[in-house]
Amino acid sequence: MSNRSRERPRPEWDRLSVLLAVTLLSIALFRVVELPTLNWGTFQILGSPLGFDLGGETLLTLLVVGLVATGTLSVFQNHPQLDSRERSLAFSLITPSIGALLVSIFIIQAATWPLWLAALLVGGISIGLLIHLSYQALSPLNPRYPGARTLLNVIDYLMGFVLFSFSLGLQGRALITAPAILVLSGLLAVELLSATGASTEQVLLYGGTIALLEGQLAWVLGYWPISMWTAATLLTLGLYIWSGIGYQHLLGRLTAQVIAEFATIGLLMFILVFWVRP
């Protein structure tokens, strides 16, 4: 048997397997352990009822996101090309952490044991895939960087659409949904823009600007008689256009032609969305 066939598995898979095992075990424990729910009073702000509940579902979400974020950091710190990365390590944790948030939401909403087991299995695979892709996209010197980065970009927009849909589906006032969408879109924008290798200050400035634009758009859409899916599609379209323009500007490649291309794509997609009416 050749030495190549005896090669030890890559270090990332060792730590990743431990992380997934701990995360899935923790989720399983929350399924069988009943935790009390703490309720804080409800207040009326601009006609919107605001309250806070802390129970098993909230703790599960915080636990899963926390485990994935800290575990991913541990995996990345052993990357052989860590010193050649072009952005802060914290930015690389965003996609796996948002993926963990989405997985926890699906698991919480699983009403039956078969659905719960399916959500657990698919969720574990999805989290592992996101961490692996983020690991491959950590350094531009990695030959697999272009493919991993492209997949992460697509996944970021898809997760944004799903989470926007969840936020809008809560049937809350814009005072409630807009801040949630602002935070989510800001995190996704920062993750997308940081791939340019620009300074942290520039990335945060542009990401914060996009977050404010998305929050304002969510506020407007909340009073527009359109479906949840249409609103989520428009929010995702806005994230794509603003992030794309910001990305090109940070790379120093923003021209009138690029702006015209994004404007054309945005207009065509806007017409298509209202023609299809999802």
C-alpha atoms as a PDB file:
ATOM      1  CA  MET A   1       0.000   0.000   0.000  1.00  0.00           C
ATOM      2  CA  SER A   2       1.425   3.394  -0.999  1.00  0.00           C
ATOM      3  CA  ASN A   3       2.132   6.159   1.481  1.00  0.00           C
ATOM      4  CA  ARG A   4      -0.441   8.367  -0.195  1.00  0.00           C
ATOM      5  CA  SER A   5      -3.209   5.865   0.479  1.00  0.00           C
ATOM      6  CA  ARG A   6      -2.248   5.811   4.150  1.00  0.00           C
ATOM      7  CA  GLU A   7      -2.416   9.557   4.534  1.00  0.00           C
ATOM      8  CA  ARG A   8      -4.134  10.726   7.671  1.00  0.00           C
ATOM      9  CA  PRO A   9      -7.431  12.629   7.236  1.00  0.00           C
ATOM     10  CA  ARG A  10      -7.040  16.371   7.001  1.00  0.00           C
ATOM     11  CA  PRO A  11      -6.898  18.122  10.401  1.00  0.00           C
ATOM     12  CA  GLU A  12     -10.023  20.152   9.625  1.00  0.00           C
ATOM     13  CA  TRP A  13     -12.145  16.989   9.514  1.00  0.00           C
ATOM     14  CA  ASP A  14     -10.903  15.850  12.925  1.00  0.00           C
ATOM     15  CA  ARG A  15     -12.043  19.038  14.646  1.00  0.00           C
ATOM     16  CA  LEU A  16     -15.122  19.348  12.457  1.00  0.00           C
ATOM     17  CA  SER A  17     -16.349  15.886  13.377  1.00  0.00           C
ATOM     18  CA  VAL A  18     -15.996  16.685  17.093  1.00  0.00           C
ATOM     19  CA  LEU A  19     -17.822  20.001  16.631  1.00  0.00           C
ATOM     20  CA  LEU A  20     -20.729  18.370  14.792  1.00  0.00           C
ATOM     21  CA  ALA A  21     -20.974  15.570  17.360  1.00  0.00           C
ATOM     22  CA  VAL A  22     -21.148  18.022  20.285  1.00  0.00           C
ATOM     23  CA  THR A  23     -23.642  20.281  18.490  1.00  0.00           C
ATOM     24  CA  LEU A  24     -25.995  17.462  17.474  1.00  0.00           C
ATOM     25  CA  LEU A  25     -25.812  15.893  20.931  1.00  0.00           C
ATOM     26  CA  SER A  26     -26.723  19.212  22.524  1.00  0.00           C
ATOM     27  CA  ILE A  27     -29.701  19.574  20.197  1.00  0.00           C
ATOM     28  CA  ALA A  28     -30.833  16.047  21.079  1.00  0.00           C
ATOM     29  CA  LEU A  29     -30.668  16.841  24.805  1.00  0.00           C
ATOM     30  CA  PHE A  30     -32.880  19.884  24.323  1.00  0.00           C
ATOM     31  CA  ARG A  31     -35.447  17.636  22.650  1.00  0.00           C
ATOM     32  CA  VAL A  32     -35.890  15.466  25.737  1.00  0.00           C
ATOM     33  CA  VAL A  33     -35.274  18.040  28.489  1.00  0.00           C
ATOM     34  CA  GLU A  34     -38.142  20.441  29.227  1.00  0.00           C
ATOM     35  CA  LEU A  35     -36.954  23.876  30.325  1.00  0.00           C
ATOM     36  CA  PRO A  36     -39.142  26.544  31.968  1.00  0.00           C
ATOM     37  CA  THR A  37     -39.987  29.703  30.080  1.00  0.00           C
ATOM     38  CA  LEU A  38     -39.357  33.131  31.561  1.00  0.00           C
ATOM     39  CA  ASN A  39     -41.675  35.924  30.408  1.00  0.00           C
ATOM     40  CA  TRP A  40     -41.011  39.621  30.574  1.00  0.00           C
ATOM     41  CA  GLY A  41     -43.891  42.066  30.416  1.00  0.00           C
ATOM     42  CA  THR A  42     -45.341  43.282  27.148  1.00  0.00           C
ATOM     43  CA  PHE A  43     -45.038  46.959  26.281  1.00  0.00           C
ATOM     44  CA  GLN A  44     -46.767  49.017  23.635  1.00  0.00           C
ATOM     45  CA  ILE A  45     -44.424  51.054  21.444  1.00  0.00           C
ATOM     46  CA  LEU A  46     -46.006  52.970  18.538  1.00  0.00           C
ATOM     47  CA  GLY A  47     -48.902  50.538  18.624  1.00  0.00           C
ATOM     48  CA  SER A  48     -46.682  47.425  18.485  1.00  0.00           C
ATOM     49  CA  PRO A  49     -46.653  44.983  21.418  1.00  0.00           C
ATOM     50  CA  LEU A  50     -43.117  44.205  22.540  1.00  0.00           C
ATOM     51  CA  GLY A  51     -42.200  41.461  24.980  1.00  0.00           C
ATOM     52  CA  PHE A  52     -39.502  38.917  25.608  1.00  0.00           C
ATOM     53  CA  ASP A  53     -39.665  35.197  26.303  1.00  0.00           C
ATOM     54  CA  LEU A  54     -36.641  33.156  27.324  1.00  0.00           C
ATOM     55  CA  GLY A  55     -37.273  29.435  27.061  1.00  0.00           C
ATOM     56  CA  GLY A  56     -35.932  26.230  25.613  1.00  0.00           C
ATOM     57  CA  GLU A  57     -36.264  27.366  21.995  1.00  0.00           C
ATOM     58  CA  THR A  58     -34.315  30.567  22.565  1.00  0.00           C
ATOM     59  CA  LEU A  59     -31.639  28.754  24.563  1.00  0.00           C
ATOM     60  CA  LEU A  60     -31.363  26.097  21.846  1.00  0.00           C
ATOM     61  CA  THR A  61     -30.810  28.757  19.192  1.00  0.00           C
ATOM     62  CA  LEU A  62     -28.185  30.557  21.275  1.00  0.00           C
ATOM     63  CA  LEU A  63     -26.438  27.282  22.096  1.00  0.00           C
ATOM     64  CA  VAL A  64     -26.283  26.050  18.494  1.00  0.00           C
ATOM     65  CA  VAL A  65     -25.054  29.378  17.129  1.00  0.00           C
ATOM     66  CA  GLY A  66     -22.511  29.708  19.939  1.00  0.00           C
ATOM     67  CA  LEU A  67     -21.167  26.178  19.517  1.00  0.00           C
ATOM     68  CA  VAL A  68     -20.846  26.537  15.761  1.00  0.00           C
ATOM     69  CA  ALA A  69     -19.163  29.959  15.986  1.00  0.00           C
ATOM     70  CA  THR A  70     -16.603  28.921  18.614  1.00  0.00           C
ATOM     71  CA  GLY A  71     -16.042  25.520  17.026  1.00  0.00           C
ATOM     72  CA  THR A  72     -15.512  27.057  13.600  1.00  0.00           C
ATOM     73  CA  LEU A  73     -12.982  29.465  15.072  1.00  0.00           C
ATOM     74  CA  SER A  74     -11.104  26.494  16.546  1.00  0.00           C
ATOM     75  CA  VAL A  75     -11.066  24.772  13.155  1.00  0.00           C
ATOM     76  CA  PHE A  76      -9.844  27.895  11.352  1.00  0.00           C
ATOM     77  CA  GLN A  77      -7.031  28.578  13.795  1.00  0.00           C
ATOM     78  CA  ASN A  78      -5.293  25.438  12.534  1.00  0.00           C
ATOM     79  CA  HIS A  79      -5.536  26.374   8.872  1.00  0.00           C
ATOM     80  CA  PRO A  80      -2.109  25.899   7.219  1.00  0.00           C
ATOM     81  CA  GLN A  81      -2.515  29.178   5.273  1.00  0.00           C
ATOM     82  CA  LEU A  82      -4.014  31.217   8.091  1.00  0.00           C
ATOM     83  CA  ASP A  83      -1.435  34.019   7.792  1.00  0.00           C
ATOM     84  CA  SER A  84      -2.275  34.589   4.116  1.00  0.00           C
ATOM     85  CA  ARG A  85      -5.958  35.391   4.701  1.00  0.00           C
ATOM     86  CA  GLU A  86      -7.188  38.735   3.381  1.00  0.00           C
ATOM     87  CA  ARG A  87      -9.836  39.541   5.983  1.00  0.00           C
ATOM     88  CA  SER A  88     -10.503  39.355   9.694  1.00  0.00           C
ATOM     89  CA  LEU A  89     -11.127  35.842  10.973  1.00  0.00           C
ATOM     90  CA  ALA A  90     -14.396  37.012  12.547  1.00  0.00           C
ATOM     91  CA  PHE A  91     -15.897  37.652   9.102  1.00  0.00           C
ATOM     92  CA  SER A  92     -15.342  34.021   8.135  1.00  0.00           C
ATOM     93  CA  LEU A  93     -17.533  32.918  11.053  1.00  0.00           C
ATOM     94  CA  ILE A  94     -20.628  34.729   9.767  1.00  0.00           C
ATOM     95  CA  THR A  95     -21.890  32.219   7.198  1.00  0.00           C
ATOM     96  CA  PRO A  96     -21.565  29.118   9.447  1.00  0.00           C
ATOM     97  CA  SER A  97     -23.185  31.015  12.340  1.00  0.00           C
ATOM     98  CA  ILE A  98     -26.136  32.199  10.239  1.00  0.00           C
ATOM     99  CA  GLY A  99     -26.444  28.667   8.888  1.00  0.00           C
ATOM    100  CA  ALA A 100     -26.613  27.391  12.473  1.00  0.00           C
ATOM    101  CA  LEU A 101     -29.345  29.942  13.214  1.00  0.00           C
ATOM    102  CA  LEU A 102     -31.347  28.716  10.226  1.00  0.00           C
ATOM    103  CA  VAL A 103     -30.873  25.071  11.207  1.00  0.00           C
ATOM    104  CA  SER A 104     -32.042  25.739  14.761  1.00  0.00           C
ATOM    105  CA  ILE A 105     -35.187  27.435  13.407  1.00  0.00           C
ATOM    106  CA  PHE A 106     -36.056  24.413  11.272  1.00  0.00           C
ATOM    107  CA  ILE A 107     -35.422  22.046  14.178  1.00  0.00           C
ATOM    108  CA  ILE A 108     -37.606  24.099  16.517  1.00  0.00           C
ATOM    109  CA  GLN A 109     -40.454  24.089  14.005  1.00  0.00           C
ATOM    110  CA  ALA A 110     -40.301  20.312  13.474  1.00  0.00           C
ATOM    111  CA  ALA A 111     -43.562  19.105  15.016  1.00  0.00           C
ATOM    112  CA  THR A 112     -43.056  15.322  14.765  1.00  0.00           C
ATOM    113  CA  TRP A 113     -40.177  12.967  15.519  1.00  0.00           C
ATOM    114  CA  PRO A 114     -39.581  12.036  11.829  1.00  0.00           C
ATOM    115  CA  LEU A 115     -39.439  15.703  10.847  1.00  0.00           C
ATOM    116  CA  TRP A 116     -37.174  16.467  13.793  1.00  0.00           C
ATOM    117  CA  LEU A 117     -34.766  13.655  12.880  1.00  0.00           C
ATOM    118  CA  ALA A 118     -34.755  14.770   9.237  1.00  0.00           C
ATOM    119  CA  ALA A 119     -34.075  18.382  10.254  1.00  0.00           C
ATOM    120  CA  LEU A 120     -31.301  17.224  12.594  1.00  0.00           C
ATOM    121  CA  LEU A 121     -29.628  15.120   9.907  1.00  0.00           C
ATOM    122  CA  VAL A 122     -29.905  17.689   7.125  1.00  0.00           C
ATOM    123  CA  GLY A 123     -28.918  20.443   9.536  1.00  0.00           C
ATOM    124  CA  GLY A 124     -25.769  18.630  10.643  1.00  0.00           C
ATOM    125  CA  ILE A 125     -24.733  18.039   7.029  1.00  0.00           C
ATOM    126  CA  SER A 126     -25.461  21.667   6.130  1.00  0.00           C
ATOM    127  CA  ILE A 127     -23.431  23.070   9.022  1.00  0.00           C
ATOM    128  CA  GLY A 128     -20.525  20.787   8.165  1.00  0.00           C
ATOM    129  CA  LEU A 129     -20.661  21.881   4.521  1.00  0.00           C
ATOM    130  CA  LEU A 130     -20.722  25.579   5.433  1.00  0.00           C
ATOM    131  CA  ILE A 131     -17.722  25.220   7.742  1.00  0.00           C
ATOM    132  CA  HIS A 132     -15.836  23.239   5.106  1.00  0.00           C
ATOM    133  CA  LEU A 133     -16.524  25.820   2.381  1.00  0.00           C
ATOM    134  CA  SER A 134     -15.541  28.666   4.713  1.00  0.00           C
ATOM    135  CA  TYR A 135     -12.354  26.778   5.548  1.00  0.00           C
ATOM    136  CA  GLN A 136     -11.511  26.399   1.858  1.00  0.00           C
ATOM    137  CA  ALA A 137     -12.247  30.095   1.248  1.00  0.00           C
ATOM    138  CA  LEU A 138     -10.119  31.315   4.147  1.00  0.00           C
ATOM    139  CA  SER A 139      -7.028  31.962   2.032  1.00  0.00           C
ATOM    140  CA  PRO A 140      -6.906  33.062  -1.632  1.00  0.00           C
ATOM    141  CA  LEU A 141      -3.745  30.954  -1.984  1.00  0.00           C
ATOM    142  CA  ASN A 142      -5.854  27.810  -1.690  1.00  0.00           C
ATOM    143  CA  PRO A 143      -6.504  26.330  -5.176  1.00  0.00           C
ATOM    144  CA  ARG A 144     -10.097  25.630  -4.111  1.00  0.00           C
ATOM    145  CA  TYR A 145     -10.707  29.225  -3.063  1.00  0.00           C
ATOM    146  CA  PRO A 146     -12.581  30.445  -6.205  1.00  0.00           C
ATOM    147  CA  GLY A 147     -15.108  27.607  -6.205  1.00  0.00           C
ATOM    148  CA  ALA A 148     -15.670  27.752  -2.443  1.00  0.00           C
ATOM    149  CA  ARG A 149     -16.072  31.538  -2.489  1.00  0.00           C
ATOM    150  CA  THR A 150     -18.604  31.375  -5.322  1.00  0.00           C
ATOM    151  CA  LEU A 151     -20.674  28.746  -3.506  1.00  0.00           C
ATOM    152  CA  LEU A 152     -20.585  30.776  -0.293  1.00  0.00           C
ATOM    153  CA  ASN A 153     -21.871  33.850  -2.133  1.00  0.00           C
ATOM    154  CA  VAL A 154     -24.802  31.888  -3.536  1.00  0.00           C
ATOM    155  CA  ILE A 155     -25.539  30.326  -0.141  1.00  0.00           C
ATOM    156  CA  ASP A 156     -25.439  33.737   1.563  1.00  0.00           C
ATOM    157  CA  TYR A 157     -28.171  35.069  -0.715  1.00  0.00           C
ATOM    158  CA  LEU A 158     -30.271  31.912  -0.332  1.00  0.00           C
ATOM    159  CA  MET A 159     -30.006  32.038   3.461  1.00  0.00           C
ATOM    160  CA  GLY A 160     -30.869  35.720   3.336  1.00  0.00           C
ATOM    161  CA  PHE A 161     -34.037  34.980   1.382  1.00  0.00           C
ATOM    162  CA  VAL A 162     -35.124  32.233   3.799  1.00  0.00           C
ATOM    163  CA  LEU A 163     -34.417  34.295   6.915  1.00  0.00           C
ATOM    164  CA  PHE A 164     -36.110  37.371   5.447  1.00  0.00           C
ATOM    165  CA  SER A 165     -39.137  35.174   4.783  1.00  0.00           C
ATOM    166  CA  PHE A 166     -39.129  33.904   8.370  1.00  0.00           C
ATOM    167  CA  SER A 167     -38.841  37.444   9.731  1.00  0.00           C
ATOM    168  CA  LEU A 168     -41.678  38.753   7.575  1.00  0.00           C
ATOM    169  CA  GLY A 169     -43.760  35.665   8.352  1.00  0.00           C
ATOM    170  CA  LEU A 170     -43.887  36.575  12.033  1.00  0.00           C
ATOM    171  CA  GLN A 171     -46.703  38.966  11.167  1.00  0.00           C
ATOM    172  CA  GLY A 172     -45.122  41.655  13.306  1.00  0.00           C
ATOM    173  CA  ARG A 173     -45.122  45.394  12.794  1.00  0.00           C
ATOM    174  CA  ALA A 174     -42.224  46.994  10.924  1.00  0.00           C
ATOM    175  CA  LEU A 175     -40.898  48.174  14.293  1.00  0.00           C
ATOM    176  CA  ILE A 176     -40.146  44.514  15.022  1.00  0.00           C
ATOM    177  CA  THR A 177     -39.283  43.016  11.616  1.00  0.00           C
ATOM    178  CA  ALA A 178     -37.155  45.887  10.309  1.00  0.00           C
ATOM    179  CA  PRO A 179     -34.457  45.655  13.034  1.00  0.00           C
ATOM    180  CA  ALA A 180     -34.207  41.879  12.552  1.00  0.00           C
ATOM    181  CA  ILE A 181     -33.769  42.300   8.806  1.00  0.00           C
ATOM    182  CA  LEU A 182     -31.311  45.149   9.392  1.00  0.00           C
ATOM    183  CA  VAL A 183     -29.065  42.926  11.520  1.00  0.00           C
ATOM    184  CA  LEU A 184     -29.296  39.912   9.186  1.00  0.00           C
ATOM    185  CA  SER A 185     -28.658  41.899   6.021  1.00  0.00           C
ATOM    186  CA  GLY A 186     -25.802  43.765   7.702  1.00  0.00           C
ATOM    187  CA  LEU A 187     -24.069  40.521   8.661  1.00  0.00           C
ATOM    188  CA  LEU A 188     -24.538  39.050   5.181  1.00  0.00           C
ATOM    189  CA  ALA A 189     -23.326  42.259   3.507  1.00  0.00           C
ATOM    190  CA  VAL A 190     -20.213  42.352   5.683  1.00  0.00           C
ATOM    191  CA  GLU A 191     -19.472  38.708   4.855  1.00  0.00           C
ATOM    192  CA  LEU A 192     -19.853  39.333   1.123  1.00  0.00           C
ATOM    193  CA  LEU A 193     -17.892  42.596   1.045  1.00  0.00           C
ATOM    194  CA  SER A 194     -15.042  41.336   3.223  1.00  0.00           C
ATOM    195  CA  ALA A 195     -14.098  38.912   0.431  1.00  0.00           C
ATOM    196  CA  THR A 196     -12.631  41.924  -1.418  1.00  0.00           C
ATOM    197  CA  GLY A 197      -9.774  42.071   1.075  1.00  0.00           C
ATOM    198  CA  ALA A 198     -10.627  45.689   1.964  1.00  0.00           C
ATOM    199  CA  SER A 199      -9.896  47.074   5.410  1.00  0.00           C
ATOM    200  CA  THR A 200     -12.199  46.187   8.282  1.00  0.00           C
ATOM    201  CA  GLU A 201     -13.286  49.820   8.641  1.00  0.00           C
ATOM    202  CA  GLN A 202     -14.365  50.051   5.005  1.00  0.00           C
ATOM    203  CA  VAL A 203     -16.194  46.739   5.136  1.00  0.00           C
ATOM    204  CA  LEU A 204     -18.088  47.723   8.290  1.00  0.00           C
ATOM    205  CA  LEU A 205     -18.958  51.149   6.845  1.00  0.00           C
ATOM    206  CA  TYR A 206     -20.337  49.723   3.609  1.00  0.00           C
ATOM    207  CA  GLY A 207     -22.018  46.805   5.386  1.00  0.00           C
ATOM    208  CA  GLY A 208     -23.681  49.157   7.857  1.00  0.00           C
ATOM    209  CA  THR A 209     -24.916  51.374   5.026  1.00  0.00           C
ATOM    210  CA  ILE A 210     -26.439  48.380   3.237  1.00  0.00           C
ATOM    211  CA  ALA A 211     -28.029  47.236   6.498  1.00  0.00           C
ATOM    212  CA  LEU A 212     -29.710  50.638   6.924  1.00  0.00           C
ATOM    213  CA  LEU A 213     -30.965  50.551   3.328  1.00  0.00           C
ATOM    214  CA  GLU A 214     -32.391  47.059   3.824  1.00  0.00           C
ATOM    215  CA  GLY A 215     -33.987  48.071   7.117  1.00  0.00           C
ATOM    216  CA  GLN A 216     -35.665  51.050   5.455  1.00  0.00           C
ATOM    217  CA  LEU A 217     -36.829  48.836   2.597  1.00  0.00           C
ATOM    218  CA  ALA A 218     -38.268  46.321   5.065  1.00  0.00           C
ATOM    219  CA  TRP A 219     -40.114  49.156   6.805  1.00  0.00           C
ATOM    220  CA  VAL A 220     -41.710  50.227   3.516  1.00  0.00           C
ATOM    221  CA  LEU A 221     -42.561  46.678   2.444  1.00  0.00           C
ATOM    222  CA  GLY A 222     -44.247  46.071   5.780  1.00  0.00           C
ATOM    223  CA  TYR A 223     -46.988  48.536   4.787  1.00  0.00           C
ATOM    224  CA  TRP A 224     -47.252  47.355   1.179  1.00  0.00           C
ATOM    225  CA  PRO A 225     -50.002  44.807   0.401  1.00  0.00           C
ATOM    226  CA  ILE A 226     -47.730  42.165  -1.121  1.00  0.00           C
ATOM    227  CA  SER A 227     -47.037  38.569  -0.144  1.00  0.00           C
ATOM    228  CA  MET A 228     -44.296  37.532   2.250  1.00  0.00           C
ATOM    229  CA  TRP A 229     -42.429  35.776  -0.588  1.00  0.00           C
ATOM    230  CA  THR A 230     -42.549  38.853  -2.822  1.00  0.00           C
ATOM    231  CA  ALA A 231     -41.231  41.052  -0.024  1.00  0.00           C
ATOM    232  CA  ALA A 232     -38.435  38.578   0.805  1.00  0.00           C
ATOM    233  CA  THR A 233     -37.465  38.400  -2.874  1.00  0.00           C
ATOM    234  CA  LEU A 234     -37.267  42.193  -3.106  1.00  0.00           C
ATOM    235  CA  LEU A 235     -35.133  42.351   0.050  1.00  0.00           C
ATOM    236  CA  THR A 236     -32.777  39.715  -1.365  1.00  0.00           C
ATOM    237  CA  LEU A 237     -32.641  41.588  -4.665  1.00  0.00           C
ATOM    238  CA  GLY A 238     -31.767  44.776  -2.808  1.00  0.00           C
ATOM    239  CA  LEU A 239     -29.023  42.979  -0.888  1.00  0.00           C
ATOM    240  CA  TYR A 240     -27.615  41.612  -4.155  1.00  0.00           C
ATOM    241  CA  ILE A 241     -27.572  44.976  -5.937  1.00  0.00           C
ATOM    242  CA  TRP A 242     -26.176  47.047  -3.074  1.00  0.00           C
ATOM    243  CA  SER A 243     -23.583  44.421  -2.139  1.00  0.00           C
ATOM    244  CA  GLY A 244     -22.574  44.002  -5.777  1.00  0.00           C
ATOM    245  CA  ILE A 245     -22.058  47.733  -6.275  1.00  0.00           C
ATOM    246  CA  GLY A 246     -20.170  48.010  -2.978  1.00  0.00           C
ATOM    247  CA  TYR A 247     -18.035  44.993  -3.909  1.00  0.00           C
ATOM    248  CA  GLN A 248     -17.019  46.537  -7.221  1.00  0.00           C
ATOM    249  CA  HIS A 249     -16.291  49.885  -5.568  1.00  0.00           C
ATOM    250  CA  LEU A 250     -14.051  48.318  -2.919  1.00  0.00           C
ATOM    251  CA  LEU A 251     -12.140  46.568  -5.704  1.00  0.00           C
ATOM    252  CA  GLY A 252     -11.751  49.871  -7.551  1.00  0.00           C
ATOM    253  CA  ARG A 253     -13.689  48.575 -10.561  1.00  0.00           C
ATOM    254  CA  LEU A 254     -16.905  50.565 -10.230  1.00  0.00           C
ATOM    255  CA  THR A 255     -17.770  52.303 -13.507  1.00  0.00           C
ATOM    256  CA  ALA A 256     -20.887  53.754 -15.075  1.00  0.00           C
ATOM    257  CA  GLN A 257     -21.208  50.560 -17.109  1.00  0.00           C
ATOM    258  CA  VAL A 258     -21.187  48.398 -13.963  1.00  0.00           C
ATOM    259  CA  ILE A 259     -23.843  50.591 -12.339  1.00  0.00           C
ATOM    260  CA  ALA A 260     -25.961  50.387 -15.488  1.00  0.00           C
ATOM    261  CA  GLU A 261     -25.643  46.592 -15.507  1.00  0.00           C
ATOM    262  CA  PHE A 262     -26.808  46.302 -11.896  1.00  0.00           C
ATOM    263  CA  ALA A 263     -29.633  48.772 -12.524  1.00  0.00           C
ATOM    264  CA  THR A 264     -30.783  46.765 -15.541  1.00  0.00           C
ATOM    265  CA  ILE A 265     -30.662  43.484 -13.634  1.00  0.00           C
ATOM    266  CA  GLY A 266     -32.556  45.056 -10.745  1.00  0.00           C
ATOM    267  CA  LEU A 267     -35.259  46.471 -12.997  1.00  0.00           C
ATOM    268  CA  LEU A 268     -35.724  43.191 -14.888  1.00  0.00           C
ATOM    269  CA  MET A 269     -35.913  41.188 -11.664  1.00  0.00           C
ATOM    270  CA  PHE A 270     -38.351  43.697 -10.165  1.00  0.00           C
ATOM    271  CA  ILE A 271     -40.646  43.331 -13.190  1.00  0.00           C
ATOM    272  CA  LEU A 272     -40.296  39.542 -13.109  1.00  0.00           C
ATOM    273  CA  VAL A 273     -41.150  39.355  -9.411  1.00  0.00           C
ATOM    274  CA  PHE A 274     -44.369  41.313  -9.846  1.00  0.00           C
ATOM    275  CA  TRP A 275     -45.264  39.394 -12.969  1.00  0.00           C
ATOM    276  CA  VAL A 276     -44.837  36.010 -11.282  1.00  0.00           C
ATOM    277  CA  ARG A 277     -46.198  37.238  -7.921  1.00  0.00           C
ATOM    278  CA  PRO A 278     -44.766  34.441  -5.670  1.00  0.00           C
END
